[in-house]
Amino acid sequence: MTSLITLADCIRELPMVPQRRRPDHAELRQRMPLLGSSSADLIRDERDER
């Protein structure tokens, strides 16, 4: 005889994982390292190579 596994059985067995709070824009900017040169300089250098 086979036993049926219900959704309630699965939920009872699985550990609950707390939801992580997503970082806001300021936190993401703070984590990023500063660039060695400005984006304007990078764009000009790429444009001048053509």
PDB file of N, CA and C in Angstrom:
ATOM      1  N   MET A   1       0.847  -1.176   0.000  1.00  0.00           N
ATOM      2  CA  MET A   1       0.000   0.000   0.000  1.00  0.00           C
ATOM      3  C   MET A   1       0.899   1.248   0.000  1.00  0.00           C
ATOM      4  N   THR A   2       0.590   2.200  -0.840  1.00  0.00           N
ATOM      5  CA  THR A   2       1.379   3.437  -0.899  1.00  0.00           C
ATOM      6  C   THR A   2       0.702   4.505  -0.050  1.00  0.00           C
ATOM      7  N   SER A   3       1.523   5.354   0.507  1.00  0.00           N
ATOM      8  CA  SER A   3       0.957   6.435   1.325  1.00  0.00           C
ATOM      9  C   SER A   3       0.960   7.731   0.523  1.00  0.00           C
ATOM     10  N   LEU A   4      -0.039   8.516   0.729  1.00  0.00           N
ATOM     11  CA  LEU A   4      -0.136   9.807   0.052  1.00  0.00           C
ATOM     12  C   LEU A   4       0.552  10.875   0.896  1.00  0.00           C
ATOM     13  N   ILE A   5       1.340  11.706   0.244  1.00  0.00           N
ATOM     14  CA  ILE A   5       1.978  12.828   0.925  1.00  0.00           C
ATOM     15  C   ILE A   5       1.179  14.076   0.566  1.00  0.00           C
ATOM     16  N   THR A   6       0.673  14.728   1.567  1.00  0.00           N
ATOM     17  CA  THR A   6      -0.130  15.925   1.320  1.00  0.00           C
ATOM     18  C   THR A   6       0.752  17.163   1.413  1.00  0.00           C
ATOM     19  N   LEU A   7       0.235  18.266   0.935  1.00  0.00           N
ATOM     20  CA  LEU A   7       0.951  19.533   1.010  1.00  0.00           C
ATOM     21  C   LEU A   7       1.240  19.907   2.454  1.00  0.00           C
ATOM     22  N   ALA A   8       0.305  19.615   3.343  1.00  0.00           N
ATOM     23  CA  ALA A   8       0.506  19.915   4.763  1.00  0.00           C
ATOM     24  C   ALA A   8       1.687  19.134   5.325  1.00  0.00           C
ATOM     25  N   ASP A   9       1.881  17.896   4.874  1.00  0.00           N
ATOM     26  CA  ASP A   9       3.023  17.091   5.326  1.00  0.00           C
ATOM     27  C   ASP A   9       4.331  17.720   4.865  1.00  0.00           C
ATOM     28  N   CYS A  10       4.371  18.190   3.625  1.00  0.00           N
ATOM     29  CA  CYS A  10       5.589  18.805   3.082  1.00  0.00           C
ATOM     30  C   CYS A  10       5.918  20.099   3.818  1.00  0.00           C
ATOM     31  N   ILE A  11       4.920  20.893   4.057  1.00  0.00           N
ATOM     32  CA  ILE A  11       5.142  22.175   4.730  1.00  0.00           C
ATOM     33  C   ILE A  11       5.645  21.942   6.146  1.00  0.00           C
ATOM     34  N   ARG A  12       5.139  20.952   6.787  1.00  0.00           N
ATOM     35  CA  ARG A  12       5.542  20.662   8.155  1.00  0.00           C
ATOM     36  C   ARG A  12       7.005  20.227   8.204  1.00  0.00           C
ATOM     37  N   GLU A  13       7.485  19.550   7.170  1.00  0.00           N
ATOM     38  CA  GLU A  13       8.841  19.008   7.158  1.00  0.00           C
ATOM     39  C   GLU A  13       9.893  20.020   6.704  1.00  0.00           C
ATOM     40  N   LEU A  14       9.534  20.959   5.855  1.00  0.00           N
ATOM     41  CA  LEU A  14      10.513  21.902   5.331  1.00  0.00           C
ATOM     42  C   LEU A  14      10.759  23.042   6.317  1.00  0.00           C
ATOM     43  N   PRO A  15      12.027  23.421   6.508  1.00  0.00           N
ATOM     44  CA  PRO A  15      12.303  24.553   7.405  1.00  0.00           C
ATOM     45  C   PRO A  15      11.853  25.863   6.759  1.00  0.00           C
ATOM     46  N   MET A  16      11.435  26.778   7.569  1.00  0.00           N
ATOM     47  CA  MET A  16      11.014  28.080   7.063  1.00  0.00           C
ATOM     48  C   MET A  16      12.252  28.951   6.853  1.00  0.00           C
ATOM     49  N   VAL A  17      12.358  29.528   5.680  1.00  0.00           N
ATOM     50  CA  VAL A  17      13.491  30.400   5.360  1.00  0.00           C
ATOM     51  C   VAL A  17      13.001  31.841   5.460  1.00  0.00           C
ATOM     52  N   PRO A  18      13.607  32.635   6.333  1.00  0.00           N
ATOM     53  CA  PRO A  18      13.152  34.024   6.451  1.00  0.00           C
ATOM     54  C   PRO A  18      13.465  34.809   5.175  1.00  0.00           C
ATOM     55  N   GLN A  19      12.596  35.721   4.832  1.00  0.00           N
ATOM     56  CA  GLN A  19      12.793  36.556   3.653  1.00  0.00           C
ATOM     57  C   GLN A  19      13.868  37.602   3.939  1.00  0.00           C
ATOM     58  N   ARG A  20      14.855  37.684   3.060  1.00  0.00           N
ATOM     59  CA  ARG A  20      15.896  38.698   3.211  1.00  0.00           C
ATOM     60  C   ARG A  20      15.389  40.028   2.687  1.00  0.00           C
ATOM     61  N   ARG A  21      15.748  41.084   3.386  1.00  0.00           N
ATOM     62  CA  ARG A  21      15.372  42.419   2.931  1.00  0.00           C
ATOM     63  C   ARG A  21      16.271  42.810   1.763  1.00  0.00           C
ATOM     64  N   ARG A  22      15.668  43.299   0.695  1.00  0.00           N
ATOM     65  CA  ARG A  22      16.442  43.715  -0.472  1.00  0.00           C
ATOM     66  C   ARG A  22      17.130  45.032  -0.176  1.00  0.00           C
ATOM     67  N   PRO A  23      18.417  45.176  -0.555  1.00  0.00           N
ATOM     68  CA  PRO A  23      19.118  46.431  -0.284  1.00  0.00           C
ATOM     69  C   PRO A  23      18.542  47.559  -1.130  1.00  0.00           C
ATOM     70  N   ASP A  24      18.583  48.764  -0.586  1.00  0.00           N
ATOM     71  CA  ASP A  24      18.107  49.900  -1.372  1.00  0.00           C
ATOM     72  C   ASP A  24      19.263  50.458  -2.212  1.00  0.00           C
ATOM     73  N   HIS A  25      18.979  51.449  -3.023  1.00  0.00           N
ATOM     74  CA  HIS A  25      19.954  51.994  -3.968  1.00  0.00           C
ATOM     75  C   HIS A  25      21.180  52.543  -3.243  1.00  0.00           C
ATOM     76  N   ALA A  26      20.973  53.233  -2.129  1.00  0.00           N
ATOM     77  CA  ALA A  26      22.096  53.823  -1.390  1.00  0.00           C
ATOM     78  C   ALA A  26      23.038  52.731  -0.866  1.00  0.00           C
ATOM     79  N   GLU A  27      22.482  51.626  -0.387  1.00  0.00           N
ATOM     80  CA  GLU A  27      23.320  50.533   0.105  1.00  0.00           C
ATOM     81  C   GLU A  27      24.124  49.893  -1.023  1.00  0.00           C
ATOM     82  N   LEU A  28      23.498  49.716  -2.180  1.00  0.00           N
ATOM     83  CA  LEU A  28      24.214  49.147  -3.318  1.00  0.00           C
ATOM     84  C   LEU A  28      25.346  50.065  -3.776  1.00  0.00           C
ATOM     85  N   ARG A  29      25.094  51.363  -3.822  1.00  0.00           N
ATOM     86  CA  ARG A  29      26.133  52.318  -4.213  1.00  0.00           C
ATOM     87  C   ARG A  29      27.297  52.297  -3.223  1.00  0.00           C
ATOM     88  N   GLN A  30      26.984  52.150  -1.942  1.00  0.00           N
ATOM     89  CA  GLN A  30      28.011  52.138  -0.910  1.00  0.00           C
ATOM     90  C   GLN A  30      28.903  50.898  -1.037  1.00  0.00           C
ATOM     91  N   ARG A  31      28.336  49.790  -1.469  1.00  0.00           N
ATOM     92  CA  ARG A  31      29.097  48.547  -1.614  1.00  0.00           C
ATOM     93  C   ARG A  31      30.015  48.550  -2.830  1.00  0.00           C
ATOM     94  N   MET A  32      29.680  49.333  -3.848  1.00  0.00           N
ATOM     95  CA  MET A  32      30.455  49.325  -5.087  1.00  0.00           C
ATOM     96  C   MET A  32      31.760  50.096  -4.919  1.00  0.00           C
ATOM     97  N   PRO A  33      32.862  49.555  -5.434  1.00  0.00           N
ATOM     98  CA  PRO A  33      34.115  50.314  -5.390  1.00  0.00           C
ATOM     99  C   PRO A  33      34.060  51.489  -6.371  1.00  0.00           C
ATOM    100  N   LEU A  34      34.794  52.537  -6.045  1.00  0.00           N
ATOM    101  CA  LEU A  34      34.843  53.690  -6.939  1.00  0.00           C
ATOM    102  C   LEU A  34      35.639  53.342  -8.190  1.00  0.00           C
ATOM    103  N   LEU A  35      35.234  53.886  -9.313  1.00  0.00           N
ATOM    104  CA  LEU A  35      35.957  53.666 -10.565  1.00  0.00           C
ATOM    105  C   LEU A  35      37.240  54.490 -10.574  1.00  0.00           C
ATOM    106  N   GLY A  36      38.247  53.974 -11.255  1.00  0.00           N
ATOM    107  CA  GLY A  36      39.519  54.695 -11.357  1.00  0.00           C
ATOM    108  C   GLY A  36      39.425  55.918 -12.248  1.00  0.00           C
ATOM    109  N   SER A  37      38.523  55.884 -13.215  1.00  0.00           N
ATOM    110  CA  SER A  37      38.324  57.033 -14.106  1.00  0.00           C
ATOM    111  C   SER A  37      36.827  57.232 -14.300  1.00  0.00           C
ATOM    112  N   SER A  38      36.468  58.418 -14.694  1.00  0.00           N
ATOM    113  CA  SER A  38      35.047  58.721 -14.844  1.00  0.00           C
ATOM    114  C   SER A  38      34.487  58.030 -16.090  1.00  0.00           C
ATOM    115  N   SER A  39      33.200  57.840 -16.106  1.00  0.00           N
ATOM    116  CA  SER A  39      32.568  57.197 -17.261  1.00  0.00           C
ATOM    117  C   SER A  39      32.705  58.071 -18.508  1.00  0.00           C
ATOM    118  N   ALA A  40      32.715  59.397 -18.321  1.00  0.00           N
ATOM    119  CA  ALA A  40      32.890  60.296 -19.464  1.00  0.00           C
ATOM    120  C   ALA A  40      34.250  60.058 -20.119  1.00  0.00           C
ATOM    121  N   ASP A  41      35.303  59.884 -19.318  1.00  0.00           N
ATOM    122  CA  ASP A  41      36.636  59.609 -19.872  1.00  0.00           C
ATOM    123  C   ASP A  41      36.654  58.269 -20.603  1.00  0.00           C
ATOM    124  N   LEU A  42      36.005  57.261 -20.040  1.00  0.00           N
ATOM    125  CA  LEU A  42      35.957  55.951 -20.696  1.00  0.00           C
ATOM    126  C   LEU A  42      35.237  56.023 -22.030  1.00  0.00           C
ATOM    127  N   ILE A  43      34.146  56.773 -22.081  1.00  0.00           N
ATOM    128  CA  ILE A  43      33.384  56.914 -23.328  1.00  0.00           C
ATOM    129  C   ILE A  43      34.202  57.666 -24.366  1.00  0.00           C
ATOM    130  N   ARG A  44      34.867  58.752 -23.954  1.00  0.00           N
ATOM    131  CA  ARG A  44      35.712  59.509 -24.895  1.00  0.00           C
ATOM    132  C   ARG A  44      36.839  58.653 -25.434  1.00  0.00           C
ATOM    133  N   ASP A  45      37.509  57.890 -24.580  1.00  0.00           N
ATOM    134  CA  ASP A  45      38.604  57.027 -25.025  1.00  0.00           C
ATOM    135  C   ASP A  45      38.113  55.991 -26.027  1.00  0.00           C
ATOM    136  N   GLU A  46      36.956  55.400 -25.753  1.00  0.00           N
ATOM    137  CA  GLU A  46      36.410  54.400 -26.679  1.00  0.00           C
ATOM    138  C   GLU A  46      36.031  55.055 -28.006  1.00  0.00           C
ATOM    139  N   ARG A  47      35.454  56.250 -27.943  1.00  0.00           N
ATOM    140  CA  ARG A  47      35.061  56.956 -29.162  1.00  0.00           C
ATOM    141  C   ARG A  47      36.282  57.333 -29.987  1.00  0.00           C
ATOM    142  N   ASP A  48      37.355  57.777 -29.310  1.00  0.00           N
ATOM    143  CA  ASP A  48      38.559  58.206 -30.026  1.00  0.00           C
ATOM    144  C   ASP A  48      39.324  57.052 -30.642  1.00  0.00           C
ATOM    145  N   GLU A  49      39.121  55.832 -30.166  1.00  0.00           N
ATOM    146  CA  GLU A  49      39.780  54.665 -30.752  1.00  0.00           C
ATOM    147  C   GLU A  49      39.246  54.337 -32.137  1.00  0.00           C
ATOM    148  N   ARG A  50      38.030  54.741 -32.440  1.00  0.00           N
ATOM    149  CA  ARG A  50      37.403  54.422 -33.731  1.00  0.00           C
ATOM    150  C   ARG A  50      37.928  55.246 -34.857  1.00  0.00           C
TER     151      ARG A  50
END
